[in-house]
Amino acid sequence: MTTLLKTQKGKCTHCGLFFREEDVLEVDHIIPQAKGGKDEYKNLQILHRHCHDAKTAKDGLAVKCT
């Protein structure tokens, strides 16, 4: 995760805001594996948890509760 943080210069690639110490971070597949994305470094990014949730919903992969 440290390398990704350095590559992203400490910013969330979804919202563009800098990460803060208290933020909850998640590693995300840029192209979701469910849509053919590979599990490799160049397909990974770090997002805030809420940004990851928003991206997952936009990707159409959100789990729906019934």
N, C-alpha and C. Protein backbone atom coordinates (compact mmCIF):
# COMPACT_ATOMS: atom_id res chain seq x y z
N MET A 1 0.83 -1.19 0.00
CA MET A 1 0.00 0.00 0.00
C MET A 1 0.87 1.25 0.00
N THR A 2 2.04 1.20 0.63
CA THR A 2 2.92 2.36 0.71
C THR A 2 3.33 2.85 -0.67
N THR A 3 3.65 1.92 -1.57
CA THR A 3 4.06 2.29 -2.92
C THR A 3 2.92 2.98 -3.66
N LEU A 4 1.71 2.46 -3.49
CA LEU A 4 0.55 3.10 -4.14
C LEU A 4 0.33 4.50 -3.58
N LEU A 5 0.47 4.67 -2.28
CA LEU A 5 0.32 6.00 -1.67
C LEU A 5 1.33 6.98 -2.26
N LYS A 6 2.57 6.54 -2.44
CA LYS A 6 3.60 7.41 -3.03
C LYS A 6 3.28 7.71 -4.48
N THR A 7 2.86 6.70 -5.23
CA THR A 7 2.52 6.89 -6.64
C THR A 7 1.38 7.89 -6.80
N GLN A 8 0.40 7.81 -5.91
CA GLN A 8 -0.77 8.70 -5.96
C GLN A 8 -0.51 10.02 -5.25
N LYS A 9 0.69 10.21 -4.74
CA LYS A 9 1.08 11.44 -4.05
C LYS A 9 0.14 11.77 -2.88
N GLY A 10 -0.32 10.71 -2.20
CA GLY A 10 -1.14 10.90 -1.01
C GLY A 10 -2.57 11.32 -1.27
N LYS A 11 -3.03 11.19 -2.52
CA LYS A 11 -4.39 11.61 -2.87
C LYS A 11 -5.25 10.44 -3.31
N CYS A 12 -6.52 10.56 -3.02
CA CYS A 12 -7.52 9.62 -3.51
C CYS A 12 -7.75 9.89 -5.00
N THR A 13 -7.66 8.86 -5.82
CA THR A 13 -7.85 9.06 -7.25
C THR A 13 -9.31 9.26 -7.63
N HIS A 14 -10.22 9.00 -6.72
CA HIS A 14 -11.65 9.19 -7.02
C HIS A 14 -12.09 10.63 -6.76
N CYS A 15 -11.77 11.16 -5.58
CA CYS A 15 -12.23 12.50 -5.22
C CYS A 15 -11.13 13.57 -5.32
N GLY A 16 -9.88 13.14 -5.36
CA GLY A 16 -8.77 14.08 -5.49
C GLY A 16 -8.30 14.71 -4.19
N LEU A 17 -8.92 14.35 -3.07
CA LEU A 17 -8.52 14.91 -1.78
C LEU A 17 -7.35 14.13 -1.20
N PHE A 18 -6.53 14.82 -0.41
CA PHE A 18 -5.43 14.16 0.27
C PHE A 18 -5.97 13.24 1.36
N PHE A 19 -5.29 12.11 1.55
CA PHE A 19 -5.64 11.22 2.65
C PHE A 19 -5.19 11.84 3.96
N ARG A 20 -6.00 11.65 5.00
CA ARG A 20 -5.66 12.09 6.34
C ARG A 20 -5.44 10.86 7.21
N GLU A 21 -4.76 11.06 8.30
CA GLU A 21 -4.42 9.95 9.19
C GLU A 21 -5.64 9.16 9.65
N GLU A 22 -6.75 9.86 9.87
CA GLU A 22 -7.95 9.20 10.39
C GLU A 22 -8.83 8.57 9.30
N ASP A 23 -8.50 8.77 8.04
CA ASP A 23 -9.30 8.20 6.95
C ASP A 23 -9.17 6.69 6.89
N VAL A 24 -10.25 6.04 6.48
CA VAL A 24 -10.23 4.60 6.24
C VAL A 24 -9.97 4.42 4.74
N LEU A 25 -8.91 3.69 4.43
CA LEU A 25 -8.49 3.51 3.04
C LEU A 25 -8.73 2.08 2.59
N GLU A 26 -9.02 1.94 1.30
CA GLU A 26 -9.20 0.60 0.73
C GLU A 26 -8.48 0.54 -0.61
N VAL A 27 -7.95 -0.64 -0.91
CA VAL A 27 -7.32 -0.88 -2.21
C VAL A 27 -8.43 -1.31 -3.17
N ASP A 28 -8.44 -0.70 -4.35
CA ASP A 28 -9.49 -0.93 -5.34
C ASP A 28 -8.86 -1.39 -6.65
N HIS A 29 -9.55 -2.27 -7.35
CA HIS A 29 -9.16 -2.63 -8.71
C HIS A 29 -9.76 -1.58 -9.65
N ILE A 30 -8.92 -0.90 -10.40
CA ILE A 30 -9.37 0.15 -11.32
C ILE A 30 -10.40 -0.44 -12.29
N ILE A 31 -10.04 -1.53 -12.94
CA ILE A 31 -11.00 -2.31 -13.74
C ILE A 31 -11.37 -3.50 -12.86
N PRO A 32 -12.61 -3.57 -12.41
CA PRO A 32 -13.00 -4.63 -11.49
C PRO A 32 -12.70 -6.03 -12.06
N GLN A 33 -12.33 -6.92 -11.17
CA GLN A 33 -12.06 -8.29 -11.60
C GLN A 33 -13.29 -8.92 -12.23
N ALA A 34 -14.47 -8.55 -11.75
CA ALA A 34 -15.71 -9.08 -12.31
C ALA A 34 -15.93 -8.64 -13.76
N LYS A 35 -15.21 -7.59 -14.15
CA LYS A 35 -15.31 -7.09 -15.52
C LYS A 35 -14.03 -7.33 -16.30
N GLY A 36 -13.23 -8.31 -15.84
CA GLY A 36 -12.04 -8.70 -16.58
C GLY A 36 -10.74 -8.06 -16.13
N GLY A 37 -10.79 -7.23 -15.09
CA GLY A 37 -9.57 -6.60 -14.59
C GLY A 37 -8.66 -7.62 -13.93
N LYS A 38 -7.38 -7.39 -14.06
CA LYS A 38 -6.40 -8.32 -13.50
C LYS A 38 -6.00 -7.90 -12.09
N ASP A 39 -5.55 -8.88 -11.32
CA ASP A 39 -5.08 -8.64 -9.97
C ASP A 39 -3.58 -8.34 -10.03
N GLU A 40 -3.25 -7.17 -10.57
CA GLU A 40 -1.85 -6.76 -10.70
C GLU A 40 -1.71 -5.30 -10.31
N TYR A 41 -0.49 -4.93 -9.97
CA TYR A 41 -0.21 -3.60 -9.42
C TYR A 41 -0.76 -2.46 -10.28
N LYS A 42 -0.58 -2.54 -11.59
CA LYS A 42 -1.02 -1.42 -12.45
C LYS A 42 -2.53 -1.26 -12.50
N ASN A 43 -3.27 -2.24 -11.96
CA ASN A 43 -4.73 -2.16 -11.92
C ASN A 43 -5.24 -1.86 -10.50
N LEU A 44 -4.35 -1.40 -9.62
CA LEU A 44 -4.74 -1.12 -8.25
C LEU A 44 -4.63 0.36 -7.94
N GLN A 45 -5.48 0.83 -7.05
CA GLN A 45 -5.44 2.21 -6.56
C GLN A 45 -5.97 2.23 -5.14
N ILE A 46 -5.63 3.27 -4.41
CA ILE A 46 -6.14 3.43 -3.05
C ILE A 46 -7.21 4.50 -3.07
N LEU A 47 -8.32 4.19 -2.42
CA LEU A 47 -9.45 5.13 -2.33
C LEU A 47 -9.90 5.24 -0.88
N HIS A 48 -10.54 6.36 -0.56
CA HIS A 48 -11.25 6.44 0.72
C HIS A 48 -12.32 5.35 0.69
N ARG A 49 -12.71 4.86 1.85
CA ARG A 49 -13.74 3.81 1.89
C ARG A 49 -15.02 4.28 1.21
N HIS A 50 -15.46 5.52 1.50
CA HIS A 50 -16.72 6.00 0.91
C HIS A 50 -16.57 6.20 -0.61
N CYS A 51 -15.39 6.56 -1.07
CA CYS A 51 -15.15 6.69 -2.52
C CYS A 51 -15.16 5.32 -3.18
N HIS A 52 -14.61 4.33 -2.48
CA HIS A 52 -14.62 2.97 -3.00
C HIS A 52 -16.05 2.47 -3.11
N ASP A 53 -16.87 2.75 -2.11
CA ASP A 53 -18.29 2.36 -2.15
C ASP A 53 -18.99 3.02 -3.34
N ALA A 54 -18.73 4.30 -3.56
CA ALA A 54 -19.36 5.03 -4.67
C ALA A 54 -18.90 4.46 -6.01
N LYS A 55 -17.62 4.17 -6.14
CA LYS A 55 -17.09 3.61 -7.40
C LYS A 55 -17.68 2.24 -7.66
N THR A 56 -17.77 1.42 -6.63
CA THR A 56 -18.34 0.08 -6.78
C THR A 56 -19.79 0.17 -7.25
N ALA A 57 -20.55 1.09 -6.67
CA ALA A 57 -21.95 1.28 -7.08
C ALA A 57 -22.02 1.74 -8.54
N LYS A 58 -21.13 2.65 -8.92
CA LYS A 58 -21.11 3.15 -10.30
C LYS A 58 -20.72 2.04 -11.28
N ASP A 59 -19.80 1.16 -10.83
CA ASP A 59 -19.38 0.04 -11.66
C ASP A 59 -20.49 -0.99 -11.81
N GLY A 60 -21.56 -0.86 -11.01
CA GLY A 60 -22.68 -1.79 -11.07
C GLY A 60 -22.43 -3.07 -10.33
N LEU A 61 -21.53 -3.03 -9.34
CA LEU A 61 -21.16 -4.24 -8.63
C LEU A 61 -21.58 -4.23 -7.18
N ALA A 62 -22.36 -3.25 -6.77
CA ALA A 62 -22.78 -3.14 -5.38
C ALA A 62 -23.67 -4.33 -5.00
N VAL A 63 -23.46 -4.83 -3.81
CA VAL A 63 -24.28 -5.93 -3.29
C VAL A 63 -25.59 -5.34 -2.79
N LYS A 64 -26.68 -5.89 -3.23
CA LYS A 64 -28.00 -5.39 -2.81
C LYS A 64 -28.57 -6.33 -1.74
N CYS A 65 -29.05 -5.73 -0.68
CA CYS A 65 -29.70 -6.50 0.37
C CYS A 65 -31.18 -6.67 0.03
N THR A 66 -31.71 -7.84 0.30
CA THR A 66 -33.13 -8.08 0.00
C THR A 66 -33.93 -8.24 1.26
